[in-house]
Amino acid sequence: MQFLRTLGLSAIAGLMTAGAAMAETELTVYTAIEAEDLKRYAEKFNEDHPDIKINWVRDSTGVVTAKLLAEKNNPQADVIWGLAATSLLLLKSEGMLEPYKPEGVEKLDPKFVDKSDPPAWVGMDAWVAAVCFNTVEAEKLGLPQPTSWKDLTDPVYKDQVIMPNPNSSGTGFLDVSSWLQMFGEDEGWAYMDALHENIARYTHSGSKPCKLAAAGEIPIGISFAFRGAKSKADGAPIEIIVPEEGVGWDMEAIAIVAGTDAPEAARTLVDWTISEKAMEEYNVGYAVVAIPGIAKPVEHFPEGLEEAMIDNDFEFAANNRERILEEWQKRYDSKSESE
């Protein structure tokens, strides 16, 4: 009887130990990856690492960034997978990221790797601004096809343009920060003043303007190219326009949150996120991925887009983020859609 009692206690202790081990393999991951892509990435990761359970917290870039900053003194996330590099630069400046040199980092294009050694973050893919133009709706309204950003300020497009709110959308922020870089501060804000006259509303999602244009709810959506390519592949009557002045871009990036309770599992995840297998998954929707030579052409991705990508000053965007967003909010938030 004593033997059985001892055996029972040993079994319970073993279960408790196993339970603790399982708990150590749980990760809370904050992400702004498009929901349809996230499901695919998660399944591929768990094929290789079924022992790591991920609890996902997904929202738009601005919301995730604000949540992380609010939790600075009491971090809830272990890993950030798929957030704008400009956001991660900001988090890095706040001391919120755990530097880590992931396995295989030497294969990445250097522009996808944080300059610190070891890096605080690494990139996975780039998303690039573009304009989704519904040719059917435009013809009904007699709208010409724009070729430049400045064309969109023509009064002919009044109330016919939708773009993302930069406070909630990474795509919206890269648009605004790139216009300030391309046109200069004064002319950049003057451009946005003029564009605002033609904006029907600002969305809280970077993909939504293109989805609305694809559905025929608005003729023009300022969005990003891969969303347009997906919509066009699904049969939407849209053209994906690369404005002649150049286009802003940002990269989705990965980092470990400082103070994680599961550093080993966090490092395992980050290693996987820059693997060739992961890059092949990113390439389903993104034409530009971090490992050179991996990407295959994406159907309907506009020609000349990579050449049109501006020499983006990520440090400028990150260091001036708060000031830019405050100014944008003051000038244009009256047309933002409700949450």
C-alpha atoms as a PDB file:
ATOM      1  CA  MET A   1       0.000   0.000   0.000  1.00  0.00           C
ATOM      2  CA  GLN A   2       2.870   2.334   0.935  1.00  0.00           C
ATOM      3  CA  PHE A   3       4.468   1.460  -2.427  1.00  0.00           C
ATOM      4  CA  LEU A   4       1.275   2.382  -4.278  1.00  0.00           C
ATOM      5  CA  ARG A   5       0.931   5.575  -2.302  1.00  0.00           C
ATOM      6  CA  THR A   6       4.569   6.453  -3.148  1.00  0.00           C
ATOM      7  CA  LEU A   7       3.999   5.515  -6.786  1.00  0.00           C
ATOM      8  CA  GLY A   8       0.908   7.707  -6.878  1.00  0.00           C
ATOM      9  CA  LEU A   9       2.805  10.664  -5.434  1.00  0.00           C
ATOM     10  CA  SER A  10       5.601  10.080  -7.934  1.00  0.00           C
ATOM     11  CA  ALA A  11       3.126  10.016 -10.810  1.00  0.00           C
ATOM     12  CA  ILE A  12       1.506  13.240  -9.614  1.00  0.00           C
ATOM     13  CA  ALA A  13       4.926  14.857  -9.282  1.00  0.00           C
ATOM     14  CA  GLY A  14       5.783  13.665 -12.771  1.00  0.00           C
ATOM     15  CA  LEU A  15       2.592  15.129 -14.186  1.00  0.00           C
ATOM     16  CA  MET A  16       3.275  18.414 -12.435  1.00  0.00           C
ATOM     17  CA  THR A  17       6.790  18.491 -13.885  1.00  0.00           C
ATOM     18  CA  ALA A  18       5.457  17.653 -17.343  1.00  0.00           C
ATOM     19  CA  GLY A  19       2.823  20.340 -16.954  1.00  0.00           C
ATOM     20  CA  ALA A  20       5.478  22.871 -16.051  1.00  0.00           C
ATOM     21  CA  ALA A  21       7.533  21.842 -19.078  1.00  0.00           C
ATOM     22  CA  MET A  22       4.496  22.254 -21.311  1.00  0.00           C
ATOM     23  CA  ALA A  23       3.814  25.676 -19.854  1.00  0.00           C
ATOM     24  CA  GLU A  24       7.383  26.695 -20.719  1.00  0.00           C
ATOM     25  CA  THR A  25       6.679  25.929 -24.373  1.00  0.00           C
ATOM     26  CA  GLU A  26       3.777  28.380 -24.588  1.00  0.00           C
ATOM     27  CA  LEU A  27       4.495  31.695 -26.272  1.00  0.00           C
ATOM     28  CA  THR A  28       2.370  34.809 -26.511  1.00  0.00           C
ATOM     29  CA  VAL A  29       3.051  36.336 -29.910  1.00  0.00           C
ATOM     30  CA  TYR A  30       1.898  39.808 -30.942  1.00  0.00           C
ATOM     31  CA  THR A  31       1.420  40.238 -34.673  1.00  0.00           C
ATOM     32  CA  ALA A  32      -0.018  42.475 -37.383  1.00  0.00           C
ATOM     33  CA  ILE A  33       0.217  39.800 -40.095  1.00  0.00           C
ATOM     34  CA  GLU A  34      -2.878  39.577 -42.304  1.00  0.00           C
ATOM     35  CA  ALA A  35      -5.216  36.991 -40.746  1.00  0.00           C
ATOM     36  CA  GLU A  36      -5.344  34.776 -43.848  1.00  0.00           C
ATOM     37  CA  ASP A  37      -1.528  34.615 -43.980  1.00  0.00           C
ATOM     38  CA  LEU A  38      -1.081  34.164 -40.250  1.00  0.00           C
ATOM     39  CA  LYS A  39      -3.104  30.942 -40.249  1.00  0.00           C
ATOM     40  CA  ARG A  40      -0.864  29.503 -42.957  1.00  0.00           C
ATOM     41  CA  TYR A  41       2.378  30.565 -41.268  1.00  0.00           C
ATOM     42  CA  ALA A  42       1.242  29.197 -37.906  1.00  0.00           C
ATOM     43  CA  GLU A  43       0.382  25.797 -39.393  1.00  0.00           C
ATOM     44  CA  LYS A  44       3.795  25.543 -41.100  1.00  0.00           C
ATOM     45  CA  PHE A  45       5.632  26.469 -37.908  1.00  0.00           C
ATOM     46  CA  ASN A  46       3.740  23.882 -35.878  1.00  0.00           C
ATOM     47  CA  GLU A  47       4.540  21.203 -38.441  1.00  0.00           C
ATOM     48  CA  ASP A  48       8.182  21.638 -37.399  1.00  0.00           C
ATOM     49  CA  HIS A  49       7.608  22.531 -33.741  1.00  0.00           C
ATOM     50  CA  PRO A  50       4.417  20.914 -32.450  1.00  0.00           C
ATOM     51  CA  ASP A  51       5.749  21.241 -28.890  1.00  0.00           C
ATOM     52  CA  ILE A  52       5.468  25.040 -28.934  1.00  0.00           C
ATOM     53  CA  LYS A  53       1.970  26.390 -28.435  1.00  0.00           C
ATOM     54  CA  ILE A  54       1.456  29.964 -29.621  1.00  0.00           C
ATOM     55  CA  ASN A  55      -1.185  32.245 -28.170  1.00  0.00           C
ATOM     56  CA  TRP A  56      -1.775  34.848 -30.869  1.00  0.00           C
ATOM     57  CA  VAL A  57      -2.662  38.486 -30.269  1.00  0.00           C
ATOM     58  CA  ARG A  58      -3.413  40.064 -33.651  1.00  0.00           C
ATOM     59  CA  ASP A  59      -4.358  43.620 -34.588  1.00  0.00           C
ATOM     60  CA  SER A  60      -3.292  46.396 -36.952  1.00  0.00           C
ATOM     61  CA  THR A  61       0.247  47.766 -36.716  1.00  0.00           C
ATOM     62  CA  GLY A  62      -0.609  50.946 -34.834  1.00  0.00           C
ATOM     63  CA  VAL A  63      -2.760  49.120 -32.296  1.00  0.00           C
ATOM     64  CA  VAL A  64      -0.115  46.444 -31.643  1.00  0.00           C
ATOM     65  CA  THR A  65       2.611  49.088 -31.317  1.00  0.00           C
ATOM     66  CA  ALA A  66       0.530  51.127 -28.864  1.00  0.00           C
ATOM     67  CA  LYS A  67      -0.289  47.989 -26.850  1.00  0.00           C
ATOM     68  CA  LEU A  68       3.372  47.033 -26.558  1.00  0.00           C
ATOM     69  CA  LEU A  69       4.340  50.553 -25.465  1.00  0.00           C
ATOM     70  CA  ALA A  70       1.542  50.595 -22.879  1.00  0.00           C
ATOM     71  CA  GLU A  71       2.834  47.284 -21.492  1.00  0.00           C
ATOM     72  CA  LYS A  72       6.459  48.446 -21.361  1.00  0.00           C
ATOM     73  CA  ASN A  73       6.759  48.005 -17.589  1.00  0.00           C
ATOM     74  CA  ASN A  74       4.756  44.769 -17.539  1.00  0.00           C
ATOM     75  CA  PRO A  75       5.354  42.964 -20.854  1.00  0.00           C
ATOM     76  CA  GLN A  76       2.716  40.424 -21.866  1.00  0.00           C
ATOM     77  CA  ALA A  77       4.256  39.291 -25.171  1.00  0.00           C
ATOM     78  CA  ASP A  78       7.183  36.920 -25.645  1.00  0.00           C
ATOM     79  CA  VAL A  79       7.767  37.479 -29.349  1.00  0.00           C
ATOM     80  CA  ILE A  80       6.701  39.993 -32.000  1.00  0.00           C
ATOM     81  CA  TRP A  81       6.280  38.330 -35.386  1.00  0.00           C
ATOM     82  CA  GLY A  82       5.251  40.531 -38.289  1.00  0.00           C
ATOM     83  CA  LEU A  83       5.292  44.164 -37.148  1.00  0.00           C
ATOM     84  CA  ALA A  84       6.655  47.142 -39.075  1.00  0.00           C
ATOM     85  CA  ALA A  85      10.411  47.666 -38.727  1.00  0.00           C
ATOM     86  CA  THR A  86       9.713  51.322 -37.890  1.00  0.00           C
ATOM     87  CA  SER A  87       7.691  50.122 -34.888  1.00  0.00           C
ATOM     88  CA  LEU A  88      10.452  47.752 -33.804  1.00  0.00           C
ATOM     89  CA  LEU A  89      13.040  50.547 -34.059  1.00  0.00           C
ATOM     90  CA  LEU A  90      10.866  52.559 -31.689  1.00  0.00           C
ATOM     91  CA  LEU A  91      10.557  49.614 -29.279  1.00  0.00           C
ATOM     92  CA  LYS A  92      14.316  49.090 -29.503  1.00  0.00           C
ATOM     93  CA  SER A  93      14.935  52.724 -28.511  1.00  0.00           C
ATOM     94  CA  GLU A  94      12.740  52.101 -25.451  1.00  0.00           C
ATOM     95  CA  GLY A  95      14.875  49.101 -24.427  1.00  0.00           C
ATOM     96  CA  MET A  96      11.983  46.693 -24.942  1.00  0.00           C
ATOM     97  CA  LEU A  97      13.657  44.140 -27.246  1.00  0.00           C
ATOM     98  CA  GLU A  98      16.028  41.290 -26.392  1.00  0.00           C
ATOM     99  CA  PRO A  99      18.991  41.275 -28.831  1.00  0.00           C
ATOM    100  CA  TYR A 100      19.412  37.927 -30.560  1.00  0.00           C
ATOM    101  CA  LYS A 101      21.393  36.757 -33.591  1.00  0.00           C
ATOM    102  CA  PRO A 102      19.181  34.050 -35.092  1.00  0.00           C
ATOM    103  CA  GLU A 103      20.454  30.979 -36.861  1.00  0.00           C
ATOM    104  CA  GLY A 104      20.803  31.725 -40.587  1.00  0.00           C
ATOM    105  CA  VAL A 105      20.884  35.521 -40.224  1.00  0.00           C
ATOM    106  CA  GLU A 106      23.907  35.694 -42.533  1.00  0.00           C
ATOM    107  CA  LYS A 107      21.639  34.633 -45.439  1.00  0.00           C
ATOM    108  CA  LEU A 108      19.458  37.727 -45.103  1.00  0.00           C
ATOM    109  CA  ASP A 109      19.821  40.832 -47.240  1.00  0.00           C
ATOM    110  CA  PRO A 110      21.616  43.261 -44.842  1.00  0.00           C
ATOM    111  CA  LYS A 111      18.819  45.831 -45.117  1.00  0.00           C
ATOM    112  CA  PHE A 112      16.564  43.308 -43.363  1.00  0.00           C
ATOM    113  CA  VAL A 113      18.834  43.119 -40.293  1.00  0.00           C
ATOM    114  CA  ASP A 114      19.055  45.612 -37.437  1.00  0.00           C
ATOM    115  CA  LYS A 115      22.469  47.308 -37.408  1.00  0.00           C
ATOM    116  CA  SER A 116      23.257  46.420 -33.783  1.00  0.00           C
ATOM    117  CA  ASP A 117      25.349  43.326 -33.023  1.00  0.00           C
ATOM    118  CA  PRO A 118      23.586  41.167 -31.973  1.00  0.00           C
ATOM    119  CA  PRO A 119      20.563  42.564 -33.811  1.00  0.00           C
ATOM    120  CA  ALA A 120      17.479  43.614 -31.868  1.00  0.00           C
ATOM    121  CA  TRP A 121      15.225  42.594 -34.775  1.00  0.00           C
ATOM    122  CA  VAL A 122      15.337  40.948 -38.187  1.00  0.00           C
ATOM    123  CA  GLY A 123      13.069  41.392 -41.196  1.00  0.00           C
ATOM    124  CA  MET A 124      11.026  38.807 -43.074  1.00  0.00           C
ATOM    125  CA  ASP A 125       9.492  40.574 -46.086  1.00  0.00           C
ATOM    126  CA  ALA A 126       8.707  44.026 -47.429  1.00  0.00           C
ATOM    127  CA  TRP A 127       5.348  45.536 -48.236  1.00  0.00           C
ATOM    128  CA  VAL A 128       5.140  48.390 -50.670  1.00  0.00           C
ATOM    129  CA  ALA A 129       2.646  51.188 -51.159  1.00  0.00           C
ATOM    130  CA  ALA A 130       0.478  51.233 -54.280  1.00  0.00           C
ATOM    131  CA  VAL A 131      -2.859  52.554 -55.510  1.00  0.00           C
ATOM    132  CA  CYS A 132      -5.755  50.209 -56.288  1.00  0.00           C
ATOM    133  CA  PHE A 133      -7.884  51.692 -59.075  1.00  0.00           C
ATOM    134  CA  ASN A 134     -11.257  50.175 -59.979  1.00  0.00           C
ATOM    135  CA  THR A 135     -11.546  50.647 -63.712  1.00  0.00           C
ATOM    136  CA  VAL A 136     -15.273  49.803 -63.885  1.00  0.00           C
ATOM    137  CA  GLU A 137     -16.325  52.273 -61.189  1.00  0.00           C
ATOM    138  CA  ALA A 138     -13.948  54.919 -62.521  1.00  0.00           C
ATOM    139  CA  GLU A 139     -15.466  54.634 -66.001  1.00  0.00           C
ATOM    140  CA  LYS A 140     -18.968  55.089 -64.571  1.00  0.00           C
ATOM    141  CA  LEU A 141     -17.823  58.294 -62.874  1.00  0.00           C
ATOM    142  CA  GLY A 142     -15.670  59.535 -65.732  1.00  0.00           C
ATOM    143  CA  LEU A 143     -12.485  59.438 -63.670  1.00  0.00           C
ATOM    144  CA  PRO A 144      -9.097  59.354 -65.410  1.00  0.00           C
ATOM    145  CA  GLN A 145      -6.504  56.833 -64.241  1.00  0.00           C
ATOM    146  CA  PRO A 146      -3.929  58.600 -62.043  1.00  0.00           C
ATOM    147  CA  THR A 147      -0.225  58.078 -62.600  1.00  0.00           C
ATOM    148  CA  SER A 148       1.220  59.960 -59.623  1.00  0.00           C
ATOM    149  CA  TRP A 149       0.558  60.776 -56.003  1.00  0.00           C
ATOM    150  CA  LYS A 150      -0.043  64.395 -56.907  1.00  0.00           C
ATOM    151  CA  ASP A 151      -2.690  63.397 -59.452  1.00  0.00           C
ATOM    152  CA  LEU A 152      -4.814  62.273 -56.496  1.00  0.00           C
ATOM    153  CA  THR A 153      -5.188  65.893 -55.358  1.00  0.00           C
ATOM    154  CA  ASP A 154      -7.101  66.799 -58.549  1.00  0.00           C
ATOM    155  CA  PRO A 155     -10.635  67.952 -57.580  1.00  0.00           C
ATOM    156  CA  VAL A 156     -12.042  65.414 -60.055  1.00  0.00           C
ATOM    157  CA  TYR A 157     -11.371  62.754 -57.394  1.00  0.00           C
ATOM    158  CA  LYS A 158     -13.284  64.518 -54.582  1.00  0.00           C
ATOM    159  CA  ASP A 159     -14.712  61.920 -52.153  1.00  0.00           C
ATOM    160  CA  GLN A 160     -13.451  59.096 -54.373  1.00  0.00           C
ATOM    161  CA  VAL A 161     -10.283  58.138 -52.452  1.00  0.00           C
ATOM    162  CA  ILE A 162      -9.819  56.052 -49.305  1.00  0.00           C
ATOM    163  CA  MET A 163      -6.540  55.574 -47.450  1.00  0.00           C
ATOM    164  CA  PRO A 164      -5.456  54.090 -44.090  1.00  0.00           C
ATOM    165  CA  ASN A 165      -5.185  56.083 -40.878  1.00  0.00           C
ATOM    166  CA  PRO A 166      -1.468  56.114 -39.944  1.00  0.00           C
ATOM    167  CA  ASN A 167      -2.255  55.972 -36.224  1.00  0.00           C
ATOM    168  CA  SER A 168      -3.686  52.482 -36.584  1.00  0.00           C
ATOM    169  CA  SER A 169      -2.192  51.233 -39.868  1.00  0.00           C
ATOM    170  CA  GLY A 170       1.443  50.590 -40.696  1.00  0.00           C
ATOM    171  CA  THR A 171       0.598  51.129 -44.360  1.00  0.00           C
ATOM    172  CA  GLY A 172      -0.912  54.506 -43.536  1.00  0.00           C
ATOM    173  CA  PHE A 173       2.202  55.482 -41.591  1.00  0.00           C
ATOM    174  CA  LEU A 174       4.586  54.441 -44.348  1.00  0.00           C
ATOM    175  CA  ASP A 175       2.510  56.538 -46.796  1.00  0.00           C
ATOM    176  CA  VAL A 176       2.720  59.633 -44.607  1.00  0.00           C
ATOM    177  CA  SER A 177       6.394  59.233 -43.651  1.00  0.00           C
ATOM    178  CA  SER A 178       7.359  58.565 -47.285  1.00  0.00           C
ATOM    179  CA  TRP A 179       5.517  61.662 -48.540  1.00  0.00           C
ATOM    180  CA  LEU A 180       7.372  63.751 -45.960  1.00  0.00           C
ATOM    181  CA  GLN A 181      10.643  62.254 -47.185  1.00  0.00           C
ATOM    182  CA  MET A 182       9.862  62.570 -50.903  1.00  0.00           C
ATOM    183  CA  PHE A 183       8.353  66.055 -50.858  1.00  0.00           C
ATOM    184  CA  GLY A 184       9.992  67.548 -47.759  1.00  0.00           C
ATOM    185  CA  GLU A 185       8.196  68.553 -44.556  1.00  0.00           C
ATOM    186  CA  ASP A 186       6.390  71.691 -45.742  1.00  0.00           C
ATOM    187  CA  GLU A 187       5.419  70.397 -49.159  1.00  0.00           C
ATOM    188  CA  GLY A 188       4.568  66.994 -47.701  1.00  0.00           C
ATOM    189  CA  TRP A 189       1.986  68.438 -45.315  1.00  0.00           C
ATOM    190  CA  ALA A 190       0.691  70.715 -48.071  1.00  0.00           C
ATOM    191  CA  TYR A 191       0.257  67.644 -50.261  1.00  0.00           C
ATOM    192  CA  MET A 192      -1.694  65.848 -47.545  1.00  0.00           C
ATOM    193  CA  ASP A 193      -3.858  68.947 -47.017  1.00  0.00           C
ATOM    194  CA  ALA A 194      -4.819  68.801 -50.692  1.00  0.00           C
ATOM    195  CA  LEU A 195      -5.287  65.029 -50.681  1.00  0.00           C
ATOM    196  CA  HIS A 196      -7.530  65.309 -47.603  1.00  0.00           C
ATOM    197  CA  GLU A 197     -10.032  67.285 -49.701  1.00  0.00           C
ATOM    198  CA  ASN A 198     -10.544  64.183 -51.866  1.00  0.00           C
ATOM    199  CA  ILE A 199     -10.552  61.570 -49.078  1.00  0.00           C
ATOM    200  CA  ALA A 200     -13.915  59.925 -48.393  1.00  0.00           C
ATOM    201  CA  ARG A 201     -12.627  58.421 -45.148  1.00  0.00           C
ATOM    202  CA  TYR A 202      -9.573  56.980 -43.439  1.00  0.00           C
ATOM    203  CA  THR A 203      -9.719  53.300 -42.525  1.00  0.00           C
ATOM    204  CA  HIS A 204      -8.041  51.523 -39.616  1.00  0.00           C
ATOM    205  CA  SER A 205      -6.666  48.778 -41.875  1.00  0.00           C
ATOM    206  CA  GLY A 206      -3.975  48.966 -44.546  1.00  0.00           C
ATOM    207  CA  SER A 207      -5.626  46.360 -46.747  1.00  0.00           C
ATOM    208  CA  LYS A 208      -9.180  47.692 -46.464  1.00  0.00           C
ATOM    209  CA  PRO A 209      -8.859  50.551 -49.009  1.00  0.00           C
ATOM    210  CA  CYS A 210      -7.849  48.073 -51.699  1.00  0.00           C
ATOM    211  CA  LYS A 211     -10.511  45.577 -50.648  1.00  0.00           C
ATOM    212  CA  LEU A 212     -13.144  48.320 -50.895  1.00  0.00           C
ATOM    213  CA  ALA A 213     -11.848  49.380 -54.313  1.00  0.00           C
ATOM    214  CA  ALA A 214     -11.847  45.757 -55.464  1.00  0.00           C
ATOM    215  CA  ALA A 215     -15.473  45.399 -54.299  1.00  0.00           C
ATOM    216  CA  GLY A 216     -16.485  48.529 -56.195  1.00  0.00           C
ATOM    217  CA  GLU A 217     -17.363  50.503 -53.068  1.00  0.00           C
ATOM    218  CA  ILE A 218     -14.843  53.233 -53.927  1.00  0.00           C
ATOM    219  CA  PRO A 219     -12.886  53.854 -57.149  1.00  0.00           C
ATOM    220  CA  ILE A 220      -9.483  54.500 -55.524  1.00  0.00           C
ATOM    221  CA  GLY A 221      -7.853  52.836 -52.504  1.00  0.00           C
ATOM    222  CA  ILE A 222      -4.383  53.756 -51.291  1.00  0.00           C
ATOM    223  CA  SER A 223      -3.083  50.458 -49.972  1.00  0.00           C
ATOM    224  CA  PHE A 224      -0.215  48.073 -50.624  1.00  0.00           C
ATOM    225  CA  ALA A 225       0.711  46.141 -53.717  1.00  0.00           C
ATOM    226  CA  PHE A 226       0.328  42.543 -52.616  1.00  0.00           C
ATOM    227  CA  ARG A 227      -3.255  43.194 -51.451  1.00  0.00           C
ATOM    228  CA  GLY A 228      -3.977  44.545 -54.909  1.00  0.00           C
ATOM    229  CA  ALA A 229      -2.352  41.538 -56.543  1.00  0.00           C
ATOM    230  CA  LYS A 230      -4.506  39.182 -54.470  1.00  0.00           C
ATOM    231  CA  SER A 231      -7.682  41.081 -55.318  1.00  0.00           C
ATOM    232  CA  LYS A 232      -6.843  41.139 -59.016  1.00  0.00           C
ATOM    233  CA  ALA A 233      -6.080  37.409 -58.952  1.00  0.00           C
ATOM    234  CA  ASP A 234      -9.578  36.914 -57.501  1.00  0.00           C
ATOM    235  CA  GLY A 235     -11.041  38.681 -60.524  1.00  0.00           C
ATOM    236  CA  ALA A 236     -11.479  42.249 -59.263  1.00  0.00           C
ATOM    237  CA  PRO A 237     -11.456  44.865 -62.069  1.00  0.00           C
ATOM    238  CA  ILE A 238      -8.566  46.855 -60.622  1.00  0.00           C
ATOM    239  CA  GLU A 239      -5.288  48.257 -61.840  1.00  0.00           C
ATOM    240  CA  ILE A 240      -2.409  48.445 -59.384  1.00  0.00           C
ATOM    241  CA  ILE A 241      -0.745  51.803 -59.922  1.00  0.00           C
ATOM    242  CA  VAL A 242       2.857  52.597 -58.992  1.00  0.00           C
ATOM    243  CA  PRO A 243       2.978  56.399 -58.604  1.00  0.00           C
ATOM    244  CA  GLU A 244       5.786  57.941 -60.622  1.00  0.00           C
ATOM    245  CA  GLU A 245       7.312  59.900 -57.692  1.00  0.00           C
ATOM    246  CA  GLY A 246       8.213  56.633 -55.976  1.00  0.00           C
ATOM    247  CA  VAL A 247       6.600  54.538 -53.263  1.00  0.00           C
ATOM    248  CA  GLY A 248       7.116  54.115 -49.555  1.00  0.00           C
ATOM    249  CA  TRP A 249       7.708  50.716 -48.053  1.00  0.00           C
ATOM    250  CA  ASP A 250       8.330  49.007 -44.774  1.00  0.00           C
ATOM    251  CA  MET A 251       9.248  45.508 -43.769  1.00  0.00           C
ATOM    252  CA  GLU A 252       7.525  43.033 -41.507  1.00  0.00           C
ATOM    253  CA  ALA A 253      10.000  42.132 -38.804  1.00  0.00           C
ATOM    254  CA  ILE A 254      10.523  39.842 -35.836  1.00  0.00           C
ATOM    255  CA  ALA A 255      11.931  40.379 -32.349  1.00  0.00           C
ATOM    256  CA  ILE A 256      12.044  38.842 -28.892  1.00  0.00           C
ATOM    257  CA  VAL A 257      10.483  40.907 -26.126  1.00  0.00           C
ATOM    258  CA  ALA A 258      12.914  41.660 -23.311  1.00  0.00           C
ATOM    259  CA  GLY A 259      12.072  39.747 -20.144  1.00  0.00           C
ATOM    260  CA  THR A 260      10.301  36.809 -21.821  1.00  0.00           C
ATOM    261  CA  ASP A 261       9.749  33.835 -19.535  1.00  0.00           C
ATOM    262  CA  ALA A 262      10.382  31.419 -22.414  1.00  0.00           C
ATOM    263  CA  PRO A 263      13.650  32.543 -24.040  1.00  0.00           C
ATOM    264  CA  GLU A 264      14.532  29.170 -25.550  1.00  0.00           C
ATOM    265  CA  ALA A 265      11.163  28.727 -27.275  1.00  0.00           C
ATOM    266  CA  ALA A 266      11.262  32.381 -28.358  1.00  0.00           C
ATOM    267  CA  ARG A 267      14.652  31.861 -30.007  1.00  0.00           C
ATOM    268  CA  THR A 268      13.373  28.697 -31.698  1.00  0.00           C
ATOM    269  CA  LEU A 269      10.479  30.646 -33.189  1.00  0.00           C
ATOM    270  CA  VAL A 270      12.693  33.501 -34.384  1.00  0.00           C
ATOM    271  CA  ASP A 271      15.124  31.017 -35.992  1.00  0.00           C
ATOM    272  CA  TRP A 272      12.199  29.477 -37.896  1.00  0.00           C
ATOM    273  CA  THR A 273      10.771  32.812 -39.025  1.00  0.00           C
ATOM    274  CA  ILE A 274      13.875  33.552 -41.122  1.00  0.00           C
ATOM    275  CA  SER A 275      14.246  30.024 -42.519  1.00  0.00           C
ATOM    276  CA  GLU A 276      13.917  29.301 -46.228  1.00  0.00           C
ATOM    277  CA  LYS A 277      10.681  27.433 -45.509  1.00  0.00           C
ATOM    278  CA  ALA A 278       9.231  30.529 -43.885  1.00  0.00           C
ATOM    279  CA  MET A 279      10.429  32.750 -46.755  1.00  0.00           C
ATOM    280  CA  GLU A 280       8.632  30.536 -49.261  1.00  0.00           C
ATOM    281  CA  GLU A 281       5.426  31.068 -47.290  1.00  0.00           C
ATOM    282  CA  TYR A 282       5.919  34.838 -47.201  1.00  0.00           C
ATOM    283  CA  ASN A 283       6.461  34.822 -50.963  1.00  0.00           C
ATOM    284  CA  VAL A 284       2.910  33.592 -51.530  1.00  0.00           C
ATOM    285  CA  GLY A 285       1.812  37.187 -50.977  1.00  0.00           C
ATOM    286  CA  TYR A 286       5.000  39.239 -50.909  1.00  0.00           C
ATOM    287  CA  ALA A 287       7.279  39.717 -53.893  1.00  0.00           C
ATOM    288  CA  VAL A 288      10.188  40.911 -51.732  1.00  0.00           C
ATOM    289  CA  VAL A 289      11.482  38.595 -48.994  1.00  0.00           C
ATOM    290  CA  ALA A 290      14.541  38.835 -46.780  1.00  0.00           C
ATOM    291  CA  ILE A 291      16.616  35.998 -48.298  1.00  0.00           C
ATOM    292  CA  PRO A 292      17.762  36.966 -51.822  1.00  0.00           C
ATOM    293  CA  GLY A 293      16.976  34.485 -54.577  1.00  0.00           C
ATOM    294  CA  ILE A 294      14.024  32.864 -52.782  1.00  0.00           C
ATOM    295  CA  ALA A 295      11.191  34.972 -54.158  1.00  0.00           C
ATOM    296  CA  LYS A 296       9.282  33.831 -57.212  1.00  0.00           C
ATOM    297  CA  PRO A 297       7.150  36.295 -59.178  1.00  0.00           C
ATOM    298  CA  VAL A 298       3.759  37.053 -57.607  1.00  0.00           C
ATOM    299  CA  GLU A 299       0.866  36.991 -60.068  1.00  0.00           C
ATOM    300  CA  HIS A 300      -0.364  40.493 -60.976  1.00  0.00           C
ATOM    301  CA  PHE A 301       2.372  42.196 -58.958  1.00  0.00           C
ATOM    302  CA  PRO A 302       2.994  45.493 -60.787  1.00  0.00           C
ATOM    303  CA  GLU A 303       6.118  45.863 -62.879  1.00  0.00           C
ATOM    304  CA  GLY A 304       8.710  48.365 -61.743  1.00  0.00           C
ATOM    305  CA  LEU A 305       7.596  48.343 -58.139  1.00  0.00           C
ATOM    306  CA  GLU A 306      10.924  47.345 -56.604  1.00  0.00           C
ATOM    307  CA  GLU A 307      12.696  50.023 -58.641  1.00  0.00           C
ATOM    308  CA  ALA A 308      10.174  52.609 -57.394  1.00  0.00           C
ATOM    309  CA  MET A 309      10.828  51.841 -53.691  1.00  0.00           C
ATOM    310  CA  ILE A 310      12.315  54.975 -52.126  1.00  0.00           C
ATOM    311  CA  ASP A 311      15.520  54.977 -50.101  1.00  0.00           C
ATOM    312  CA  ASN A 312      13.456  54.793 -46.939  1.00  0.00           C
ATOM    313  CA  ASP A 313      14.944  56.459 -43.873  1.00  0.00           C
ATOM    314  CA  PHE A 314      13.638  54.110 -41.178  1.00  0.00           C
ATOM    315  CA  GLU A 315      15.418  56.050 -38.431  1.00  0.00           C
ATOM    316  CA  PHE A 316      13.605  59.247 -39.480  1.00  0.00           C
ATOM    317  CA  ALA A 317      10.267  57.423 -39.497  1.00  0.00           C
ATOM    318  CA  ALA A 318      10.852  55.823 -36.089  1.00  0.00           C
ATOM    319  CA  ASN A 319      12.349  58.857 -34.352  1.00  0.00           C
ATOM    320  CA  ASN A 320       9.626  61.207 -35.604  1.00  0.00           C
ATOM    321  CA  ARG A 321       6.702  58.818 -35.340  1.00  0.00           C
ATOM    322  CA  GLU A 322       4.992  60.466 -32.368  1.00  0.00           C
ATOM    323  CA  ARG A 323       5.349  63.975 -33.782  1.00  0.00           C
ATOM    324  CA  ILE A 324       4.105  62.934 -37.241  1.00  0.00           C
ATOM    325  CA  LEU A 325       1.086  61.090 -35.856  1.00  0.00           C
ATOM    326  CA  GLU A 326       0.107  63.955 -33.576  1.00  0.00           C
ATOM    327  CA  GLU A 327       0.236  66.405 -36.487  1.00  0.00           C
ATOM    328  CA  TRP A 328      -1.704  64.064 -38.765  1.00  0.00           C
ATOM    329  CA  GLN A 329      -4.349  63.517 -36.086  1.00  0.00           C
ATOM    330  CA  LYS A 330      -4.792  67.251 -35.564  1.00  0.00           C
ATOM    331  CA  ARG A 331      -5.203  67.937 -39.285  1.00  0.00           C
ATOM    332  CA  TYR A 332      -7.160  65.005 -40.680  1.00  0.00           C
ATOM    333  CA  ASP A 333      -8.734  62.758 -38.036  1.00  0.00           C
ATOM    334  CA  SER A 334     -12.204  64.226 -38.646  1.00  0.00           C
ATOM    335  CA  LYS A 335     -12.589  61.840 -41.591  1.00  0.00           C
ATOM    336  CA  SER A 336     -11.444  58.691 -39.775  1.00  0.00           C
ATOM    337  CA  GLU A 337     -13.958  55.872 -39.607  1.00  0.00           C
ATOM    338  CA  SER A 338     -15.184  54.861 -36.179  1.00  0.00           C
ATOM    339  CA  GLU A 339     -13.388  51.967 -34.481  1.00  0.00           C
END
